[in-house]
Amino acid sequence: MWLTFGTPQADWVRIRARILKRDGYRCTHLDESGVRCAEPASDVDHVLRGDDHRDANLTSLCGWHHRQKSSREGAAARAANWRRHNAKLRRSEKHPWLA
């Protein structure tokens, strides 16, 4: 079971159970047409990244949609890190022959 840092396991177990019940034990992902996924929810995930465990920031997802969301977030973080890294390597001055 995945836990977030700083949340005691017993608290997360209660929070997870409450959110799954609130969402009817169904994945809350909506497709492009606004149709809700019919799969049972197996995971509770943060809507916005971070350590905010308020009910409004938590949602139930099936395993497939949770993996898709996590993959998108990971790709975005890698792209941001790549841009920051490359910005450090760029020269600020112009080449004398190209100026």
PDB file of N, CA and C in Angstrom:
ATOM      1  N   MET A   1       0.846  -1.172   0.000  1.00  0.00           N
ATOM      2  CA  MET A   1       0.000   0.000   0.000  1.00  0.00           C
ATOM      3  C   MET A   1       0.896   1.241   0.000  1.00  0.00           C
ATOM      4  N   TRP A   2       0.582   2.187  -0.878  1.00  0.00           N
ATOM      5  CA  TRP A   2       1.337   3.433  -0.944  1.00  0.00           C
ATOM      6  C   TRP A   2       0.874   4.362   0.166  1.00  0.00           C
ATOM      7  N   LEU A   3       1.830   4.962   0.811  1.00  0.00           N
ATOM      8  CA  LEU A   3       1.531   5.952   1.841  1.00  0.00           C
ATOM      9  C   LEU A   3       2.237   7.238   1.490  1.00  0.00           C
ATOM     10  N   THR A   4       1.704   8.337   1.942  1.00  0.00           N
ATOM     11  CA  THR A   4       2.378   9.603   1.723  1.00  0.00           C
ATOM     12  C   THR A   4       3.207   9.913   2.951  1.00  0.00           C
ATOM     13  N   PHE A   5       4.298  10.606   2.736  1.00  0.00           N
ATOM     14  CA  PHE A   5       5.194  10.944   3.834  1.00  0.00           C
ATOM     15  C   PHE A   5       4.467  11.804   4.852  1.00  0.00           C
ATOM     16  N   GLY A   6       4.694  11.518   6.123  1.00  0.00           N
ATOM     17  CA  GLY A   6       4.131  12.337   7.180  1.00  0.00           C
ATOM     18  C   GLY A   6       2.744  11.925   7.632  1.00  0.00           C
ATOM     19  N   THR A   7       2.140  10.945   6.957  1.00  0.00           N
ATOM     20  CA  THR A   7       0.812  10.496   7.364  1.00  0.00           C
ATOM     21  C   THR A   7       0.933   9.125   8.006  1.00  0.00           C
ATOM     22  N   PRO A   8       0.582   9.002   9.285  1.00  0.00           N
ATOM     23  CA  PRO A   8       0.638   7.682   9.917  1.00  0.00           C
ATOM     24  C   PRO A   8      -0.257   6.694   9.168  1.00  0.00           C
ATOM     25  N   GLN A   9       0.183   5.449   9.102  1.00  0.00           N
ATOM     26  CA  GLN A   9      -0.537   4.441   8.329  1.00  0.00           C
ATOM     27  C   GLN A   9      -1.995   4.313   8.757  1.00  0.00           C
ATOM     28  N   ALA A  10      -2.264   4.307  10.060  1.00  0.00           N
ATOM     29  CA  ALA A  10      -3.646   4.167  10.534  1.00  0.00           C
ATOM     30  C   ALA A  10      -4.519   5.312  10.020  1.00  0.00           C
ATOM     31  N   ASP A  11      -3.977   6.531  10.002  1.00  0.00           N
ATOM     32  CA  ASP A  11      -4.735   7.672   9.483  1.00  0.00           C
ATOM     33  C   ASP A  11      -5.036   7.491   8.003  1.00  0.00           C
ATOM     34  N   TRP A  12      -4.025   7.075   7.227  1.00  0.00           N
ATOM     35  CA  TRP A  12      -4.218   6.920   5.787  1.00  0.00           C
ATOM     36  C   TRP A  12      -5.233   5.819   5.490  1.00  0.00           C
ATOM     37  N   VAL A  13      -5.220   4.739   6.265  1.00  0.00           N
ATOM     38  CA  VAL A  13      -6.188   3.654   6.068  1.00  0.00           C
ATOM     39  C   VAL A  13      -7.608   4.193   6.253  1.00  0.00           C
ATOM     40  N   ARG A  14      -7.824   5.005   7.275  1.00  0.00           N
ATOM     41  CA  ARG A  14      -9.152   5.589   7.516  1.00  0.00           C
ATOM     42  C   ARG A  14      -9.530   6.583   6.413  1.00  0.00           C
ATOM     43  N   ILE A  15      -8.578   7.421   6.030  1.00  0.00           N
ATOM     44  CA  ILE A  15      -8.840   8.408   4.975  1.00  0.00           C
ATOM     45  C   ILE A  15      -9.207   7.686   3.680  1.00  0.00           C
ATOM     46  N   ARG A  16      -8.405   6.697   3.307  1.00  0.00           N
ATOM     47  CA  ARG A  16      -8.626   5.940   2.070  1.00  0.00           C
ATOM     48  C   ARG A  16     -10.017   5.304   2.070  1.00  0.00           C
ATOM     49  N   ALA A  17     -10.388   4.660   3.169  1.00  0.00           N
ATOM     50  CA  ALA A  17     -11.702   4.011   3.260  1.00  0.00           C
ATOM     51  C   ALA A  17     -12.827   5.033   3.108  1.00  0.00           C
ATOM     52  N   ARG A  18     -12.661   6.201   3.716  1.00  0.00           N
ATOM     53  CA  ARG A  18     -13.690   7.242   3.642  1.00  0.00           C
ATOM     54  C   ARG A  18     -13.856   7.747   2.203  1.00  0.00           C
ATOM     55  N   ILE A  19     -12.736   7.951   1.498  1.00  0.00           N
ATOM     56  CA  ILE A  19     -12.799   8.474   0.129  1.00  0.00           C
ATOM     57  C   ILE A  19     -13.382   7.431  -0.817  1.00  0.00           C
ATOM     58  N   LEU A  20     -12.969   6.176  -0.675  1.00  0.00           N
ATOM     59  CA  LEU A  20     -13.533   5.116  -1.521  1.00  0.00           C
ATOM     60  C   LEU A  20     -15.046   5.030  -1.330  1.00  0.00           C
ATOM     61  N   LYS A  21     -15.497   5.101  -0.087  1.00  0.00           N
ATOM     62  CA  LYS A  21     -16.939   5.044   0.195  1.00  0.00           C
ATOM     63  C   LYS A  21     -17.642   6.254  -0.410  1.00  0.00           C
ATOM     64  N   ARG A  22     -17.061   7.452  -0.217  1.00  0.00           N
ATOM     65  CA  ARG A  22     -17.658   8.682  -0.760  1.00  0.00           C
ATOM     66  C   ARG A  22     -17.870   8.570  -2.269  1.00  0.00           C
ATOM     67  N   ASP A  23     -16.885   7.972  -2.964  1.00  0.00           N
ATOM     68  CA  ASP A  23     -16.930   7.878  -4.425  1.00  0.00           C
ATOM     69  C   ASP A  23     -17.649   6.623  -4.917  1.00  0.00           C
ATOM     70  N   GLY A  24     -18.301   5.908  -4.012  1.00  0.00           N
ATOM     71  CA  GLY A  24     -19.068   4.730  -4.407  1.00  0.00           C
ATOM     72  C   GLY A  24     -18.203   3.563  -4.848  1.00  0.00           C
ATOM     73  N   TYR A  25     -16.950   3.545  -4.401  1.00  0.00           N
ATOM     74  CA  TYR A  25     -15.997   2.476  -4.732  1.00  0.00           C
ATOM     75  C   TYR A  25     -15.795   2.339  -6.241  1.00  0.00           C
ATOM     76  N   ARG A  26     -16.007   3.447  -6.959  1.00  0.00           N
ATOM     77  CA  ARG A  26     -15.827   3.468  -8.414  1.00  0.00           C
ATOM     78  C   ARG A  26     -14.811   4.522  -8.791  1.00  0.00           C
ATOM     79  N   CYS A  27     -14.081   4.252  -9.859  1.00  0.00           N
ATOM     80  CA  CYS A  27     -13.114   5.206 -10.404  1.00  0.00           C
ATOM     81  C   CYS A  27     -13.849   6.494 -10.770  1.00  0.00           C
ATOM     82  N   THR A  28     -13.263   7.629 -10.436  1.00  0.00           N
ATOM     83  CA  THR A  28     -13.900   8.923 -10.705  1.00  0.00           C
ATOM     84  C   THR A  28     -13.399   9.579 -11.987  1.00  0.00           C
ATOM     85  N   HIS A  29     -12.508   8.901 -12.719  1.00  0.00           N
ATOM     86  CA  HIS A  29     -11.977   9.483 -13.956  1.00  0.00           C
ATOM     87  C   HIS A  29     -13.108   9.700 -14.966  1.00  0.00           C
ATOM     88  N   LEU A  30     -13.102  10.866 -15.597  1.00  0.00           N
ATOM     89  CA  LEU A  30     -14.073  11.176 -16.643  1.00  0.00           C
ATOM     90  C   LEU A  30     -13.366  11.199 -17.984  1.00  0.00           C
ATOM     91  N   ASP A  31     -13.955  10.559 -19.001  1.00  0.00           N
ATOM     92  CA  ASP A  31     -13.346  10.590 -20.331  1.00  0.00           C
ATOM     93  C   ASP A  31     -13.663  11.922 -21.013  1.00  0.00           C
ATOM     94  N   GLU A  32     -13.249  12.052 -22.275  1.00  0.00           N
ATOM     95  CA  GLU A  32     -13.416  13.315 -23.011  1.00  0.00           C
ATOM     96  C   GLU A  32     -14.881  13.730 -23.112  1.00  0.00           C
ATOM     97  N   SER A  33     -15.793  12.748 -23.085  1.00  0.00           N
ATOM     98  CA  SER A  33     -17.229  13.031 -23.191  1.00  0.00           C
ATOM     99  C   SER A  33     -17.873  13.308 -21.843  1.00  0.00           C
ATOM    100  N   GLY A  34     -17.087  13.201 -20.762  1.00  0.00           N
ATOM    101  CA  GLY A  34     -17.630  13.407 -19.431  1.00  0.00           C
ATOM    102  C   GLY A  34     -18.241  12.154 -18.833  1.00  0.00           C
ATOM    103  N   VAL A  35     -17.978  10.993 -19.461  1.00  0.00           N
ATOM    104  CA  VAL A  35     -18.513   9.724 -18.963  1.00  0.00           C
ATOM    105  C   VAL A  35     -17.540   9.152 -17.936  1.00  0.00           C
ATOM    106  N   ARG A  36     -18.083   8.768 -16.804  1.00  0.00           N
ATOM    107  CA  ARG A  36     -17.265   8.252 -15.703  1.00  0.00           C
ATOM    108  C   ARG A  36     -16.827   6.814 -15.978  1.00  0.00           C
ATOM    109  N   CYS A  37     -15.590   6.504 -15.621  1.00  0.00           N
ATOM    110  CA  CYS A  37     -15.045   5.150 -15.746  1.00  0.00           C
ATOM    111  C   CYS A  37     -15.914   4.190 -14.928  1.00  0.00           C
ATOM    112  N   ALA A  38     -16.177   3.014 -15.471  1.00  0.00           N
ATOM    113  CA  ALA A  38     -17.047   2.033 -14.807  1.00  0.00           C
ATOM    114  C   ALA A  38     -16.272   1.056 -13.930  1.00  0.00           C
ATOM    115  N   GLU A  39     -14.939   1.151 -13.927  1.00  0.00           N
ATOM    116  CA  GLU A  39     -14.116   0.199 -13.172  1.00  0.00           C
ATOM    117  C   GLU A  39     -14.181   0.479 -11.674  1.00  0.00           C
ATOM    118  N   PRO A  40     -14.010  -0.561 -10.869  1.00  0.00           N
ATOM    119  CA  PRO A  40     -13.942  -0.339  -9.419  1.00  0.00           C
ATOM    120  C   PRO A  40     -12.661   0.414  -9.054  1.00  0.00           C
ATOM    121  N   ALA A  41     -12.762   1.262  -8.072  1.00  0.00           N
ATOM    122  CA  ALA A  41     -11.591   2.023  -7.616  1.00  0.00           C
ATOM    123  C   ALA A  41     -10.740   1.147  -6.706  1.00  0.00           C
ATOM    124  N   SER A  42      -9.431   1.199  -6.925  1.00  0.00           N
ATOM    125  CA  SER A  42      -8.501   0.462  -6.067  1.00  0.00           C
ATOM    126  C   SER A  42      -7.535   1.404  -5.359  1.00  0.00           C
ATOM    127  N   ASP A  43      -7.451   2.646  -5.831  1.00  0.00           N
ATOM    128  CA  ASP A  43      -6.473   3.597  -5.318  1.00  0.00           C
ATOM    129  C   ASP A  43      -7.149   4.911  -4.945  1.00  0.00           C
ATOM    130  N   VAL A  44      -6.568   5.593  -3.966  1.00  0.00           N
ATOM    131  CA  VAL A  44      -6.977   6.959  -3.630  1.00  0.00           C
ATOM    132  C   VAL A  44      -5.768   7.837  -3.905  1.00  0.00           C
ATOM    133  N   ASP A  45      -5.973   8.876  -4.694  1.00  0.00           N
ATOM    134  CA  ASP A  45      -4.864   9.717  -5.141  1.00  0.00           C
ATOM    135  C   ASP A  45      -5.176  11.180  -4.862  1.00  0.00           C
ATOM    136  N   HIS A  46      -4.115  11.967  -4.775  1.00  0.00           N
ATOM    137  CA  HIS A  46      -4.254  13.413  -4.597  1.00  0.00           C
ATOM    138  C   HIS A  46      -4.617  14.049  -5.933  1.00  0.00           C
ATOM    139  N   VAL A  47      -5.574  14.951  -5.927  1.00  0.00           N
ATOM    140  CA  VAL A  47      -5.922  15.704  -7.125  1.00  0.00           C
ATOM    141  C   VAL A  47      -4.760  16.635  -7.458  1.00  0.00           C
ATOM    142  N   LEU A  48      -4.305  17.393  -6.470  1.00  0.00           N
ATOM    143  CA  LEU A  48      -3.131  18.255  -6.617  1.00  0.00           C
ATOM    144  C   LEU A  48      -1.998  17.637  -5.817  1.00  0.00           C
ATOM    145  N   ARG A  49      -0.822  17.609  -6.412  1.00  0.00           N
ATOM    146  CA  ARG A  49       0.330  16.998  -5.751  1.00  0.00           C
ATOM    147  C   ARG A  49       0.620  17.673  -4.421  1.00  0.00           C
ATOM    148  N   GLY A  50       1.178  16.905  -3.524  1.00  0.00           N
ATOM    149  CA  GLY A  50       1.556  17.444  -2.228  1.00  0.00           C
ATOM    150  C   GLY A  50       1.037  16.580  -1.107  1.00  0.00           C
ATOM    151  N   ASP A  51       1.046  17.141   0.062  1.00  0.00           N
ATOM    152  CA  ASP A  51       0.706  16.388   1.264  1.00  0.00           C
ATOM    153  C   ASP A  51      -0.627  16.854   1.848  1.00  0.00           C
ATOM    154  N   ASP A  52      -1.526  17.343   0.986  1.00  0.00           N
ATOM    155  CA  ASP A  52      -2.831  17.831   1.424  1.00  0.00           C
ATOM    156  C   ASP A  52      -3.822  16.670   1.395  1.00  0.00           C
ATOM    157  N   HIS A  53      -4.172  16.149   2.572  1.00  0.00           N
ATOM    158  CA  HIS A  53      -5.041  14.980   2.661  1.00  0.00           C
ATOM    159  C   HIS A  53      -6.496  15.344   2.937  1.00  0.00           C
ATOM    160  N   ARG A  54      -6.872  16.582   2.670  1.00  0.00           N
ATOM    161  CA  ARG A  54      -8.279  16.949   2.832  1.00  0.00           C
ATOM    162  C   ARG A  54      -9.113  16.217   1.782  1.00  0.00           C
ATOM    163  N   ASP A  55     -10.337  15.888   2.148  1.00  0.00           N
ATOM    164  CA  ASP A  55     -11.210  15.123   1.255  1.00  0.00           C
ATOM    165  C   ASP A  55     -11.337  15.761  -0.126  1.00  0.00           C
ATOM    166  N   ALA A  56     -11.412  17.075  -0.185  1.00  0.00           N
ATOM    167  CA  ALA A  56     -11.585  17.770  -1.462  1.00  0.00           C
ATOM    168  C   ALA A  56     -10.396  17.567  -2.397  1.00  0.00           C
ATOM    169  N   ASN A  57      -9.238  17.198  -1.862  1.00  0.00           N
ATOM    170  CA  ASN A  57      -8.041  17.000  -2.682  1.00  0.00           C
ATOM    171  C   ASN A  57      -7.767  15.519  -2.946  1.00  0.00           C
ATOM    172  N   LEU A  58      -8.694  14.651  -2.615  1.00  0.00           N
ATOM    173  CA  LEU A  58      -8.494  13.214  -2.810  1.00  0.00           C
ATOM    174  C   LEU A  58      -9.582  12.656  -3.712  1.00  0.00           C
ATOM    175  N   THR A  59      -9.203  11.682  -4.539  1.00  0.00           N
ATOM    176  CA  THR A  59     -10.154  11.059  -5.446  1.00  0.00           C
ATOM    177  C   THR A  59      -9.842   9.579  -5.592  1.00  0.00           C
ATOM    178  N   SER A  60     -10.854   8.798  -5.912  1.00  0.00           N
ATOM    179  CA  SER A  60     -10.704   7.357  -6.107  1.00  0.00           C
ATOM    180  C   SER A  60     -10.459   7.074  -7.585  1.00  0.00           C
ATOM    181  N   LEU A  61      -9.486   6.218  -7.858  1.00  0.00           N
ATOM    182  CA  LEU A  61      -9.161   5.849  -9.233  1.00  0.00           C
ATOM    183  C   LEU A  61      -8.963   4.345  -9.344  1.00  0.00           C
ATOM    184  N   CYS A  62      -9.245   3.807 -10.529  1.00  0.00           N
ATOM    185  CA  CYS A  62      -8.882   2.417 -10.793  1.00  0.00           C
ATOM    186  C   CYS A  62      -7.360   2.392 -11.005  1.00  0.00           C
ATOM    187  N   GLY A  63      -6.774   1.228 -10.944  1.00  0.00           N
ATOM    188  CA  GLY A  63      -5.326   1.118 -11.092  1.00  0.00           C
ATOM    189  C   GLY A  63      -4.822   1.680 -12.408  1.00  0.00           C
ATOM    190  N   TRP A  64      -5.561   1.445 -13.497  1.00  0.00           N
ATOM    191  CA  TRP A  64      -5.112   1.897 -14.816  1.00  0.00           C
ATOM    192  C   TRP A  64      -5.075   3.421 -14.884  1.00  0.00           C
ATOM    193  N   HIS A  65      -6.139   4.078 -14.432  1.00  0.00           N
ATOM    194  CA  HIS A  65      -6.158   5.547 -14.484  1.00  0.00           C
ATOM    195  C   HIS A  65      -5.161   6.161 -13.506  1.00  0.00           C
ATOM    196  N   HIS A  66      -4.925   5.519 -12.374  1.00  0.00           N
ATOM    197  CA  HIS A  66      -3.918   6.016 -11.438  1.00  0.00           C
ATOM    198  C   HIS A  66      -2.531   5.945 -12.075  1.00  0.00           C
ATOM    199  N   ARG A  67      -2.222   4.831 -12.743  1.00  0.00           N
ATOM    200  CA  ARG A  67      -0.917   4.709 -13.420  1.00  0.00           C
ATOM    201  C   ARG A  67      -0.780   5.734 -14.536  1.00  0.00           C
ATOM    202  N   GLN A  68      -1.849   5.978 -15.293  1.00  0.00           N
ATOM    203  CA  GLN A  68      -1.809   6.974 -16.365  1.00  0.00           C
ATOM    204  C   GLN A  68      -1.532   8.366 -15.804  1.00  0.00           C
ATOM    205  N   LYS A  69      -2.220   8.726 -14.733  1.00  0.00           N
ATOM    206  CA  LYS A  69      -2.032  10.042 -14.108  1.00  0.00           C
ATOM    207  C   LYS A  69      -0.612  10.185 -13.573  1.00  0.00           C
ATOM    208  N   SER A  70      -0.128   9.159 -12.881  1.00  0.00           N
ATOM    209  CA  SER A  70       1.228   9.203 -12.319  1.00  0.00           C
ATOM    210  C   SER A  70       2.273   9.285 -13.422  1.00  0.00           C
ATOM    211  N   SER A  71       2.039   8.586 -14.528  1.00  0.00           N
ATOM    212  CA  SER A  71       2.965   8.622 -15.657  1.00  0.00           C
ATOM    213  C   SER A  71       3.031  10.023 -16.266  1.00  0.00           C
ATOM    214  N   ARG A  72       1.874  10.665 -16.445  1.00  0.00           N
ATOM    215  CA  ARG A  72       1.850  12.039 -16.977  1.00  0.00           C
ATOM    216  C   ARG A  72       2.582  12.997 -16.049  1.00  0.00           C
ATOM    217  N   GLU A  73       2.337  12.864 -14.741  1.00  0.00           N
ATOM    218  CA  GLU A  73       3.001  13.741 -13.774  1.00  0.00           C
ATOM    219  C   GLU A  73       4.510  13.518 -13.783  1.00  0.00           C
ATOM    220  N   GLY A  74       4.940  12.266 -13.890  1.00  0.00           N
ATOM    221  CA  GLY A  74       6.369  11.964 -13.941  1.00  0.00           C
ATOM    222  C   GLY A  74       7.017  12.530 -15.189  1.00  0.00           C
ATOM    223  N   ALA A  75       6.340  12.399 -16.331  1.00  0.00           N
ATOM    224  CA  ALA A  75       6.873  12.934 -17.586  1.00  0.00           C
ATOM    225  C   ALA A  75       6.986  14.454 -17.520  1.00  0.00           C
ATOM    226  N   ALA A  76       5.998  15.108 -16.936  1.00  0.00           N
ATOM    227  CA  ALA A  76       6.041  16.570 -16.804  1.00  0.00           C
ATOM    228  C   ALA A  76       7.185  16.999 -15.892  1.00  0.00           C
ATOM    229  N   ALA A  77       7.411  16.265 -14.808  1.00  0.00           N
ATOM    230  CA  ALA A  77       8.510  16.591 -13.887  1.00  0.00           C
ATOM    231  C   ALA A  77       9.858  16.390 -14.568  1.00  0.00           C
ATOM    232  N   ARG A  78       9.994  15.304 -15.335  1.00  0.00           N
ATOM    233  CA  ARG A  78      11.256  15.068 -16.055  1.00  0.00           C
ATOM    234  C   ARG A  78      11.513  16.166 -17.073  1.00  0.00           C
ATOM    235  N   ALA A  79      10.472  16.588 -17.790  1.00  0.00           N
ATOM    236  CA  ALA A  79      10.628  17.654 -18.783  1.00  0.00           C
ATOM    237  C   ALA A  79      11.038  18.962 -18.109  1.00  0.00           C
ATOM    238  N   ALA A  80      10.450  19.269 -16.970  1.00  0.00           N
ATOM    239  CA  ALA A  80      10.803  20.497 -16.244  1.00  0.00           C
ATOM    240  C   ALA A  80      12.247  20.433 -15.759  1.00  0.00           C
ATOM    241  N   ASN A  81      12.664  19.287 -15.250  1.00  0.00           N
ATOM    242  CA  ASN A  81      14.054  19.126 -14.811  1.00  0.00           C
ATOM    243  C   ASN A  81      15.008  19.268 -15.979  1.00  0.00           C
ATOM    244  N   TRP A  82      14.658  18.716 -17.131  1.00  0.00           N
ATOM    245  CA  TRP A  82      15.502  18.799 -18.324  1.00  0.00           C
ATOM    246  C   TRP A  82      15.653  20.258 -18.756  1.00  0.00           C
ATOM    247  N   ARG A  83      14.535  21.010 -18.751  1.00  0.00           N
ATOM    248  CA  ARG A  83      14.602  22.431 -19.135  1.00  0.00           C
ATOM    249  C   ARG A  83      15.477  23.220 -18.164  1.00  0.00           C
ATOM    250  N   ARG A  84      15.335  22.959 -16.857  1.00  0.00           N
ATOM    251  CA  ARG A  84      16.167  23.664 -15.869  1.00  0.00           C
ATOM    252  C   ARG A  84      17.637  23.319 -16.063  1.00  0.00           C
ATOM    253  N   HIS A  85      17.926  22.052 -16.288  1.00  0.00           N
ATOM    254  CA  HIS A  85      19.308  21.614 -16.477  1.00  0.00           C
ATOM    255  C   HIS A  85      19.906  22.265 -17.721  1.00  0.00           C
ATOM    256  N   ASN A  86      19.172  22.263 -18.823  1.00  0.00           N
ATOM    257  CA  ASN A  86      19.691  22.852 -20.061  1.00  0.00           C
ATOM    258  C   ASN A  86      19.840  24.360 -19.959  1.00  0.00           C
ATOM    259  N   ALA A  87      19.001  25.012 -19.185  1.00  0.00           N
ATOM    260  CA  ALA A  87      19.120  26.462 -19.009  1.00  0.00           C
ATOM    261  C   ALA A  87      20.441  26.808 -18.328  1.00  0.00           C
ATOM    262  N   LYS A  88      20.914  25.940 -17.443  1.00  0.00           N
ATOM    263  CA  LYS A  88      22.195  26.177 -16.766  1.00  0.00           C
ATOM    264  C   LYS A  88      23.368  26.050 -17.730  1.00  0.00           C
ATOM    265  N   LEU A  89      23.203  25.243 -18.774  1.00  0.00           N
ATOM    266  CA  LEU A  89      24.299  24.990 -19.704  1.00  0.00           C
ATOM    267  C   LEU A  89      24.390  26.017 -20.821  1.00  0.00           C
ATOM    268  N   ARG A  90      23.350  26.795 -21.037  1.00  0.00           N
ATOM    269  CA  ARG A  90      23.354  27.779 -22.121  1.00  0.00           C
ATOM    270  C   ARG A  90      24.304  28.923 -21.806  1.00  0.00           C
ATOM    271  N   ARG A  91      25.010  29.343 -22.822  1.00  0.00           N
ATOM    272  CA  ARG A  91      25.891  30.504 -22.667  1.00  0.00           C
ATOM    273  C   ARG A  91      25.065  31.775 -22.767  1.00  0.00           C
ATOM    274  N   SER A  92      25.412  32.723 -21.946  1.00  0.00           N
ATOM    275  CA  SER A  92      24.661  33.975 -21.976  1.00  0.00           C
ATOM    276  C   SER A  92      25.243  34.956 -22.998  1.00  0.00           C
ATOM    277  N   GLU A  93      26.545  34.815 -23.312  1.00  0.00           N
ATOM    278  CA  GLU A  93      27.136  35.762 -24.262  1.00  0.00           C
ATOM    279  C   GLU A  93      27.032  35.218 -25.682  1.00  0.00           C
ATOM    280  N   LYS A  94      27.045  36.115 -26.632  1.00  0.00           N
ATOM    281  CA  LYS A  94      26.988  35.747 -28.046  1.00  0.00           C
ATOM    282  C   LYS A  94      28.392  35.405 -28.531  1.00  0.00           C
ATOM    283  N   HIS A  95      28.456  34.550 -29.501  1.00  0.00           N
ATOM    284  CA  HIS A  95      29.730  34.229 -30.128  1.00  0.00           C
ATOM    285  C   HIS A  95      30.192  35.471 -30.886  1.00  0.00           C
ATOM    286  N   PRO A  96      31.501  35.828 -30.805  1.00  0.00           N
ATOM    287  CA  PRO A  96      31.975  37.074 -31.431  1.00  0.00           C
ATOM    288  C   PRO A  96      31.713  37.138 -32.935  1.00  0.00           C
ATOM    289  N   TRP A  97      31.778  36.037 -33.627  1.00  0.00           N
ATOM    290  CA  TRP A  97      31.575  36.059 -35.075  1.00  0.00           C
ATOM    291  C   TRP A  97      30.106  36.138 -35.439  1.00  0.00           C
ATOM    292  N   LEU A  98      29.225  35.777 -34.497  1.00  0.00           N
ATOM    293  CA  LEU A  98      27.796  35.780 -34.784  1.00  0.00           C
ATOM    294  C   LEU A  98      27.113  37.044 -34.288  1.00  0.00           C
ATOM    295  N   ALA A  99      27.836  37.876 -33.547  1.00  0.00           N
ATOM    296  CA  ALA A  99      27.223  39.082 -32.972  1.00  0.00           C
ATOM    297  C   ALA A  99      27.042  40.161 -34.007  1.00  0.00           C
TER     298      ALA A  99
END
